[in-house]
């Protein structure tokens, strides 16, 4: 009997699930793969056409197949041999790689049929023997994979809300009309100072934007740079089977930082050494400890963990040096909009109320992770029908660490952030997709 599986989401999570099903299945399965915007194999992250938008993970860690760690570097050697395994490759090339592998793999297993549908799933109902999905049509399936990826960021907190309807406010930093809109503005403001901000700045630089760029965020942290192993790494210090409390981890990290400074070691390597174990560390934190981490340490972890390639940060630092970027430490509490511009009201430790006038706003605050605040019809329907529930800390979906939400319902990637913390990069998603296919979908 053929099992029918619905995979909702055409980005990297959905794509890697499909590819692993093709590779692993030894029984007949039928996959119905949905993506509202017909953006299969790439999603937002790898749809960029900008050559200077680089991966922030080296090529040798970007294989889409967990069981073939050199797969991407072998493909690069064949198609773009001038790149080395330790290079940060343009994201558009990685998107090309994913699409190329799918096109060359999709018909290699006669037991697996794939139907790609550019339709928005608006509701899912649980049946006795499966699920009923509704778009403009109705589909019956036995298993569900919710491969949502990242959602757009929440709007900045504001007493006023009219600004969100302005054509000069961009919730999506990769909106296709953004570059055209920006070039005739005297000054713009980016709210948020992480990796997405760096991508926006890179695009502005390439398009020779002449105006002033304000960047505002509560801590004014910007990404650290990937160093070319200028200093040796710290020695391994995590015990794989040990359960750590948050206070123990903080104590250990502080000790390692002191050691790194004293011995001339690479402080970034502390995070790199921890990364393979951090999912297990996070799982064993109490709910209170996870809340504390989110409140007090999330941004510092993000700066240390999500580094940018040297090439990108050189562009950023040049703009800083030329006074083209103003970095502001502040917490936005109101945005007022008139026909001509915006007035951003913010506070910091020095003053309770300051203002910033700007012609255009780009939201780079990071994806929404609280599913109760996502207005997409399908998410609201899934919550109402209790097919999904928010994670206990309202950071993704409540699920097991293997991705199982309930019988025959699974997820992977960003929806598991609250469960695993480290669940957004290709290395994590490729492992999850492989295990999902082997353990649940193809057995």
Protein backbone atom coordinates (compact mmCIF):
# COMPACT_ATOMS: atom_id res chain seq x y z
CA UNK A 1 0.00 0.00 0.00
CA UNK A 2 1.32 3.44 -0.94
CA UNK A 3 1.62 5.92 1.93
CA UNK A 4 0.79 9.54 1.05
CA UNK A 5 2.84 12.24 2.78
CA UNK A 6 2.17 15.97 2.72
CA UNK A 7 5.21 18.22 3.09
CA UNK A 8 4.26 21.83 3.70
CA UNK A 9 7.03 24.27 2.86
CA UNK A 10 9.27 24.44 -0.20
CA UNK A 11 12.39 25.85 1.47
CA UNK A 12 15.48 24.03 2.65
CA UNK A 13 13.66 22.01 5.36
CA UNK A 14 11.06 20.69 2.96
CA UNK A 15 13.60 20.08 0.21
CA UNK A 16 15.95 18.06 2.39
CA UNK A 17 13.03 15.99 3.65
CA UNK A 18 11.99 15.19 0.07
CA UNK A 19 15.56 14.35 -0.98
CA UNK A 20 16.09 12.04 1.98
CA UNK A 21 12.80 10.28 1.29
CA UNK A 22 13.97 9.66 -2.28
CA UNK A 23 17.30 8.30 -1.06
CA UNK A 24 16.00 6.19 1.83
CA UNK A 25 12.59 4.83 0.89
CA UNK A 26 12.35 1.10 0.17
CA UNK A 27 8.58 1.07 -0.02
CA UNK A 28 6.09 2.99 -2.21
CA UNK A 29 5.39 6.52 -0.99
CA UNK A 30 3.59 9.42 -2.62
CA UNK A 31 4.73 12.93 -1.65
CA UNK A 32 2.49 15.95 -2.12
CA UNK A 33 4.76 18.95 -1.67
CA UNK A 34 3.19 22.38 -1.08
CA UNK A 35 4.74 25.81 -1.39
CA UNK A 36 2.45 28.83 -1.57
CA UNK A 37 4.87 30.95 -3.61
CA UNK A 38 6.14 28.18 -5.92
CA UNK A 39 9.62 28.78 -4.54
CA UNK A 40 10.65 25.15 -4.20
CA UNK A 41 14.23 24.23 -3.25
CA UNK A 42 15.31 27.71 -2.18
CA UNK A 43 12.90 29.55 0.10
CA UNK A 44 13.80 33.09 1.18
CA UNK A 45 17.34 32.29 2.27
CA UNK A 46 18.72 31.02 -1.04
CA UNK A 47 16.60 32.94 -3.54
CA UNK A 48 18.90 35.97 -3.54
CA UNK A 49 20.51 36.90 -6.85
CA UNK A 50 23.13 39.04 -5.10
CA UNK A 51 26.60 37.55 -5.60
CA UNK A 52 27.90 39.20 -2.44
CA UNK A 53 25.31 37.60 -0.14
CA UNK A 54 27.50 34.87 1.30
CA UNK A 55 26.82 31.77 3.35
CA UNK A 56 27.93 32.28 6.94
CA UNK A 57 29.02 28.62 7.17
CA UNK A 58 32.04 27.33 5.30
CA UNK A 59 31.43 25.14 2.25
CA UNK A 60 32.79 22.00 3.91
CA UNK A 61 29.91 22.11 6.44
CA UNK A 62 27.11 22.74 3.93
CA UNK A 63 26.34 19.32 2.47
CA UNK A 64 22.60 18.78 2.15
CA UNK A 65 23.10 15.07 2.89
CA UNK A 66 23.94 14.18 6.49
CA UNK A 67 25.39 10.83 5.38
CA UNK A 68 27.57 12.43 2.65
CA UNK A 69 29.50 15.25 4.37
CA UNK A 70 31.60 16.17 1.30
CA UNK A 71 28.65 16.26 -1.10
CA UNK A 72 28.59 20.07 -1.52
CA UNK A 73 32.35 20.45 -1.90
CA UNK A 74 32.37 17.71 -4.55
CA UNK A 75 29.60 19.53 -6.42
CA UNK A 76 31.51 22.80 -6.10
CA UNK A 77 34.66 21.18 -7.45
CA UNK A 78 32.69 20.09 -10.51
CA UNK A 79 30.77 23.33 -11.16
CA UNK A 80 32.79 26.10 -9.47
CA UNK A 81 36.30 24.70 -8.98
CA UNK A 82 37.79 28.06 -7.95
CA UNK A 83 36.09 27.73 -4.54
CA UNK A 84 37.89 25.95 -1.71
CA UNK A 85 36.20 23.81 0.99
CA UNK A 86 36.87 26.52 3.60
CA UNK A 87 35.37 29.35 1.51
CA UNK A 88 32.12 31.19 2.22
CA UNK A 89 30.26 30.62 -1.02
CA UNK A 90 27.54 32.96 -2.39
CA UNK A 91 24.10 31.90 -1.23
CA UNK A 92 22.82 32.00 -4.81
CA UNK A 93 25.32 29.25 -5.70
CA UNK A 94 24.15 27.15 -2.77
CA UNK A 95 20.57 27.64 -4.01
CA UNK A 96 21.70 26.49 -7.45
CA UNK A 97 23.28 23.42 -5.85
CA UNK A 98 20.11 22.47 -3.98
CA UNK A 99 17.95 22.90 -7.08
CA UNK A 100 20.42 20.98 -9.28
CA UNK A 101 20.54 18.03 -6.87
CA UNK A 102 16.76 17.91 -6.62
CA UNK A 103 16.30 17.95 -10.40
CA UNK A 104 18.87 15.16 -10.80
CA UNK A 105 17.53 13.09 -7.89
CA UNK A 106 13.75 13.40 -8.07
CA UNK A 107 13.23 10.48 -10.48
CA UNK A 108 15.94 8.15 -9.23
CA UNK A 109 13.69 6.10 -6.93
CA UNK A 110 10.75 4.54 -8.75
CA UNK A 111 9.06 3.87 -5.41
CA UNK A 112 8.71 7.60 -4.71
CA UNK A 113 6.32 9.88 -6.60
CA UNK A 114 6.43 13.65 -6.06
CA UNK A 115 3.73 16.18 -6.83
CA UNK A 116 4.70 19.83 -6.39
CA UNK A 117 1.80 22.22 -5.83
CA UNK A 118 1.99 26.01 -5.68
CA UNK A 119 -1.08 26.17 -3.45
CA UNK A 120 -1.59 27.64 0.01
CA UNK A 121 -2.75 25.09 2.56
CA UNK A 122 -5.33 26.93 4.65
CA UNK A 123 -6.63 24.17 6.91
CA UNK A 124 -5.86 20.64 8.09
CA UNK A 125 -8.32 18.35 9.84
CA UNK A 126 -7.44 15.13 11.65
CA UNK A 127 -9.32 12.07 10.37
CA UNK A 128 -9.42 8.54 11.78
CA UNK A 129 -6.97 7.29 9.18
CA UNK A 130 -5.02 10.42 8.29
CA UNK A 131 -5.52 14.10 7.51
CA UNK A 132 -7.62 16.25 5.19
CA UNK A 133 -5.78 19.24 3.74
CA UNK A 134 -7.62 22.07 2.07
CA UNK A 135 -6.28 24.58 -0.41
CA UNK A 136 -8.60 25.50 -3.27
CA UNK A 137 -8.72 21.70 -3.52
CA UNK A 138 -8.90 18.89 -0.97
CA UNK A 139 -6.19 16.26 -0.33
CA UNK A 140 -6.14 13.17 1.87
CA UNK A 141 -2.81 12.09 3.34
CA UNK A 142 -1.55 9.70 5.99
CA UNK A 143 1.43 11.71 7.28
CA UNK A 144 2.33 15.39 7.67
CA UNK A 145 5.69 17.15 7.67
CA UNK A 146 5.45 20.80 8.71
CA UNK A 147 8.55 22.33 7.10
CA UNK A 148 7.65 25.96 7.75
CA UNK A 149 11.13 27.46 7.89
CA UNK A 150 11.42 31.01 9.23
CA UNK A 151 8.56 33.49 9.27
CA UNK A 152 8.88 37.22 8.69
CA UNK A 153 9.93 39.20 11.76
CA UNK A 154 7.35 40.71 14.08
CA UNK A 155 6.72 44.40 13.58
CA UNK A 156 8.79 46.58 15.92
CA UNK A 157 6.95 47.40 19.13
CA UNK A 158 5.13 50.67 18.74
CA UNK A 159 2.31 52.59 20.36
CA UNK A 160 1.22 53.59 16.86
CA UNK A 161 0.62 51.02 14.14
CA UNK A 162 -0.10 53.06 11.02
CA UNK A 163 3.52 52.81 9.90
CA UNK A 164 3.14 49.13 8.95
CA UNK A 165 0.94 50.11 5.99
CA UNK A 166 3.47 52.50 4.54
CA UNK A 167 5.12 51.58 1.23
CA UNK A 168 8.38 52.76 2.81
CA UNK A 169 8.29 50.21 5.63
CA UNK A 170 9.66 46.78 4.75
CA UNK A 171 8.91 43.85 7.02
CA UNK A 172 10.73 41.63 4.50
CA UNK A 173 14.36 42.73 4.14
CA UNK A 174 14.58 40.78 0.86
CA UNK A 175 11.49 42.27 -0.78
CA UNK A 176 12.16 42.55 -4.55
CA UNK A 177 11.20 46.24 -4.70
CA UNK A 178 13.37 47.28 -1.74
CA UNK A 179 16.52 48.24 -3.65
CA UNK A 180 14.59 50.42 -6.09
CA UNK A 181 12.81 52.18 -3.22
CA UNK A 182 15.97 52.84 -1.24
CA UNK A 183 18.13 54.49 -3.89
CA UNK A 184 16.25 57.80 -3.93
CA UNK A 185 16.12 58.15 -0.12
CA UNK A 186 18.45 60.46 1.79
CA UNK A 187 18.54 58.27 4.86
CA UNK A 188 17.17 54.92 5.90
CA UNK A 189 16.92 53.02 9.18
CA UNK A 190 17.52 49.32 9.73
CA UNK A 191 15.95 48.02 12.94
CA UNK A 192 18.01 45.05 14.08
CA UNK A 193 21.75 44.50 13.80
CA UNK A 194 22.27 40.81 13.00
CA UNK A 195 23.23 38.89 9.88
CA UNK A 196 20.21 40.07 7.87
CA UNK A 197 21.32 43.64 8.48
CA UNK A 198 24.73 42.75 7.03
CA UNK A 199 23.06 41.39 3.88
CA UNK A 200 21.06 44.60 3.47
CA UNK A 201 24.19 46.72 3.91
CA UNK A 202 26.04 44.60 1.34
CA UNK A 203 23.23 45.19 -1.18
CA UNK A 204 23.23 48.94 -0.47
CA UNK A 205 26.99 49.10 -0.98
CA UNK A 206 26.83 47.19 -4.26
CA UNK A 207 24.10 49.52 -5.53
CA UNK A 208 26.18 52.55 -4.51
CA UNK A 209 23.67 53.97 -2.06
CA UNK A 210 24.82 57.51 -1.19
CA UNK A 211 22.63 58.28 1.83
CA UNK A 212 23.03 57.69 5.55
CA UNK A 213 22.20 54.31 7.07
CA UNK A 214 21.00 54.25 10.68
CA UNK A 215 21.11 50.89 12.47
CA UNK A 216 19.25 50.65 15.76
CA UNK A 217 18.97 47.73 18.18
CA UNK A 218 18.65 47.34 21.96
CA UNK A 219 22.26 46.25 22.46
CA UNK A 220 23.86 47.52 19.22
CA UNK A 221 25.65 44.19 18.86
CA UNK A 222 26.85 43.42 15.34
CA UNK A 223 28.04 40.02 14.11
CA UNK A 224 31.57 38.93 14.86
CA UNK A 225 33.79 38.00 11.93
CA UNK A 226 34.92 34.52 10.98
CA UNK A 227 38.68 34.54 11.46
CA UNK A 228 40.94 32.45 9.29
CA UNK A 229 42.18 30.36 12.24
CA UNK A 230 44.55 33.11 13.32
CA UNK A 231 44.75 31.57 16.79
CA UNK A 232 44.60 27.94 17.94
CA UNK A 233 41.34 26.59 19.34
CA UNK A 234 40.58 25.81 22.95
CA UNK A 235 40.68 22.16 23.96
CA UNK A 236 37.37 20.24 24.19
CA UNK A 237 35.72 20.93 27.53
CA UNK A 238 32.16 19.53 27.32
CA UNK A 239 31.41 16.07 28.70
CA UNK A 240 28.98 14.48 26.25
CA UNK A 241 26.78 12.60 28.73
CA UNK A 242 26.78 15.18 31.51
CA UNK A 243 23.69 17.23 32.34
CA UNK A 244 24.64 20.87 32.89
CA UNK A 245 22.70 23.62 34.58
CA UNK A 246 22.68 27.11 33.06
CA UNK A 247 24.86 28.45 35.89
CA UNK A 248 27.39 25.65 35.32
CA UNK A 249 27.59 26.44 31.60
CA UNK A 250 28.09 30.15 32.32
CA UNK A 251 30.84 29.35 34.81
CA UNK A 252 32.59 27.02 32.35
CA UNK A 253 32.36 29.51 29.46
CA UNK A 254 33.73 32.34 31.61
CA UNK A 255 36.61 30.10 32.68
CA UNK A 256 37.33 29.19 29.05
CA UNK A 257 37.28 32.85 28.02
CA UNK A 258 39.88 33.66 30.67
CA UNK A 259 41.99 30.72 29.54
CA UNK A 260 41.72 31.76 25.89
CA UNK A 261 42.80 35.31 26.71
CA UNK A 262 45.70 34.14 28.88
CA UNK A 263 46.99 31.55 26.40
CA UNK A 264 46.31 33.47 23.17
CA UNK A 265 43.60 31.07 21.93
CA UNK A 266 40.68 31.84 19.62
CA UNK A 267 37.73 32.88 21.86
CA UNK A 268 35.25 32.02 19.08
CA UNK A 269 36.39 28.41 19.26
CA UNK A 270 34.65 28.14 22.65
CA UNK A 271 31.29 28.32 20.88
CA UNK A 272 32.50 26.02 18.11
CA UNK A 273 33.58 23.39 20.64
CA UNK A 274 30.21 23.63 22.41
CA UNK A 275 28.05 23.57 19.30
CA UNK A 276 27.88 19.77 18.71
CA UNK A 277 26.66 19.34 22.30
CA UNK A 278 24.46 22.37 22.75
CA UNK A 279 21.23 20.72 21.66
CA UNK A 280 21.64 18.15 24.42
CA UNK A 281 22.65 20.86 26.90
CA UNK A 282 19.57 22.91 25.98
CA UNK A 283 17.19 19.93 26.23
CA UNK A 284 18.32 19.38 29.82
CA UNK A 285 17.83 22.97 30.92
CA UNK A 286 14.72 23.56 33.02
CA UNK A 287 11.96 25.75 31.58
CA UNK A 288 13.06 28.53 33.95
CA UNK A 289 16.65 28.22 32.75
CA UNK A 290 15.52 28.41 29.11
CA UNK A 291 13.51 31.53 29.93
CA UNK A 292 16.56 33.06 31.64
CA UNK A 293 18.72 32.26 28.62
CA UNK A 294 16.24 33.91 26.26
CA UNK A 295 15.94 37.02 28.43
CA UNK A 296 19.58 37.59 29.26
CA UNK A 297 21.89 35.62 26.97
CA UNK A 298 20.16 35.04 23.63
CA UNK A 299 21.65 38.11 21.94
CA UNK A 300 25.17 37.47 23.23
CA UNK A 301 24.97 33.86 22.07
CA UNK A 302 23.74 35.03 18.67
CA UNK A 303 26.66 37.41 18.22
CA UNK A 304 29.20 34.73 19.16
CA UNK A 305 27.48 31.93 17.25
CA UNK A 306 26.29 33.63 14.04
CA UNK A 307 29.45 35.12 12.60
CA UNK A 308 29.82 36.80 9.23
CA UNK A 309 32.45 36.18 6.54
CA UNK A 310 35.46 38.51 6.55
CA UNK A 311 34.53 39.85 3.08
CA UNK A 312 31.13 41.02 4.33
CA UNK A 313 32.43 42.64 7.50
CA UNK A 314 35.12 44.55 5.57
CA UNK A 315 32.34 46.28 3.59
CA UNK A 316 30.46 47.03 6.81
CA UNK A 317 33.51 48.45 8.57
CA UNK A 318 34.42 50.64 5.59
CA UNK A 319 30.96 52.22 5.69
CA UNK A 320 31.35 52.78 9.43
CA UNK A 321 34.76 54.40 8.88
CA UNK A 322 33.32 56.68 6.16
CA UNK A 323 30.48 57.79 8.46
CA UNK A 324 27.90 56.22 6.16
CA UNK A 325 26.51 54.08 9.00
CA UNK A 326 25.29 55.31 12.38
CA UNK A 327 24.98 52.52 14.96
CA UNK A 328 22.48 53.37 17.69
CA UNK A 329 21.90 51.52 20.95
CA UNK A 330 18.22 51.93 21.67
CA UNK A 331 14.91 50.19 22.26
CA UNK A 332 12.13 51.35 19.92
CA UNK A 333 8.81 52.08 21.62
CA UNK A 334 6.93 54.08 19.01
CA UNK A 335 7.00 54.81 15.28
CA UNK A 336 4.94 57.64 13.83
CA UNK A 337 4.45 57.99 10.10
CA UNK A 338 3.63 61.01 7.96
CA UNK A 339 3.49 61.31 4.19
CA UNK A 340 7.13 62.41 4.08
CA UNK A 341 8.92 60.28 6.65
CA UNK A 342 8.93 58.36 9.91
CA UNK A 343 9.78 59.46 13.42
CA UNK A 344 11.22 56.63 15.52
CA UNK A 345 11.00 57.04 19.29
CA UNK A 346 13.49 55.02 21.31
CA UNK A 347 15.09 54.83 24.74
CA UNK A 348 18.38 53.65 26.19
CA UNK A 349 20.24 53.74 29.49
CA UNK A 350 21.16 57.41 28.97
CA UNK A 351 17.79 58.85 27.98
CA UNK A 352 14.21 57.63 28.34
CA UNK A 353 13.06 59.21 25.07
CA UNK A 354 14.96 60.11 21.92
CA UNK A 355 13.84 60.53 18.32
CA UNK A 356 15.20 59.63 14.92
CA UNK A 357 13.81 60.90 11.61
CA UNK A 358 14.12 58.60 8.65
CA UNK A 359 12.76 58.17 5.11
CA UNK A 360 12.50 54.38 5.05
CA UNK A 361 12.54 51.51 7.58
CA UNK A 362 13.78 47.95 7.06
CA UNK A 363 12.87 45.37 9.67
CA UNK A 364 15.83 43.07 10.42
CA UNK A 365 14.82 42.06 13.94
CA UNK A 366 14.79 38.31 13.31
CA UNK A 367 11.98 35.86 12.50
CA UNK A 368 8.84 35.54 14.59
CA UNK A 369 9.07 32.40 16.73
CA UNK A 370 5.90 32.74 18.85
CA UNK A 371 3.30 30.80 16.88
CA UNK A 372 0.42 32.44 18.75
CA UNK A 373 1.39 35.71 17.03
CA UNK A 374 1.61 34.35 13.48
CA UNK A 375 -1.51 35.35 11.56
CA UNK A 376 -1.13 32.90 8.69
CA UNK A 377 -4.47 31.05 8.27
CA UNK A 378 -2.87 27.60 8.40
CA UNK A 379 -1.00 28.32 11.65
CA UNK A 380 -4.15 29.62 13.28
CA UNK A 381 -6.05 26.55 12.05
CA UNK A 382 -3.42 24.12 13.34
CA UNK A 383 -3.45 25.79 16.75
CA UNK A 384 -7.24 25.77 16.87
CA UNK A 385 -7.41 22.09 15.90
CA UNK A 386 -4.59 21.31 18.38
CA UNK A 387 -2.52 19.63 15.70
CA UNK A 388 0.29 21.87 16.96
CA UNK A 389 0.78 23.72 20.24
CA UNK A 390 3.33 26.41 21.03
CA UNK A 391 6.52 25.36 22.73
CA UNK A 392 6.49 25.93 26.51
CA UNK A 393 8.65 29.04 26.15
CA UNK A 394 6.67 30.16 23.07
CA UNK A 395 9.69 29.66 20.87
CA UNK A 396 8.54 27.36 18.09
CA UNK A 397 6.36 24.25 18.24
CA UNK A 398 5.98 21.75 21.07
CA UNK A 399 7.55 18.53 19.78
CA UNK A 400 9.93 15.74 20.66
CA UNK A 401 13.59 16.39 19.92
CA UNK A 402 13.38 13.92 17.00
CA UNK A 403 10.77 16.16 15.36
CA UNK A 404 7.66 14.14 16.16
CA UNK A 405 4.74 16.36 17.18
CA UNK A 406 2.20 13.57 17.47
CA UNK A 407 1.40 10.34 15.64
CA UNK A 408 2.16 10.89 11.94
CA UNK A 409 2.86 14.63 12.38
CA UNK A 410 6.47 15.84 12.21
CA UNK A 411 8.53 18.98 11.89
CA UNK A 412 12.15 20.05 11.53
CA UNK A 413 14.30 23.15 11.35
CA UNK A 414 13.18 26.49 12.86
CA UNK A 415 9.94 25.17 14.47
CA UNK A 416 12.22 23.11 16.76
CA UNK A 417 14.18 26.15 18.02
CA UNK A 418 12.52 26.04 21.43
CA UNK A 419 13.12 22.29 21.72
CA UNK A 420 16.74 22.16 20.50
CA UNK A 421 17.84 25.83 20.30
CA UNK A 422 20.36 25.05 17.53
CA UNK A 423 17.93 24.14 14.75
CA UNK A 424 18.18 26.69 11.96
CA UNK A 425 21.43 26.01 10.08
CA UNK A 426 21.85 23.54 7.22
CA UNK A 427 24.08 21.17 9.27
CA UNK A 428 21.30 20.71 11.85
CA UNK A 429 18.48 20.54 9.29
CA UNK A 430 20.28 17.98 7.12
CA UNK A 431 20.69 15.68 10.13
CA UNK A 432 17.05 16.13 11.11
CA UNK A 433 15.78 15.44 7.58
CA UNK A 434 17.86 12.28 7.33
CA UNK A 435 16.61 10.93 10.67
CA UNK A 436 13.02 11.94 9.92
CA UNK A 437 13.07 9.99 6.65
CA UNK A 438 14.76 6.92 8.14
CA UNK A 439 12.83 6.73 11.43
CA UNK A 440 9.32 7.85 10.55
CA UNK A 441 8.51 8.48 6.89
CA UNK A 442 10.17 5.64 5.01
CA UNK A 443 9.65 2.79 7.49
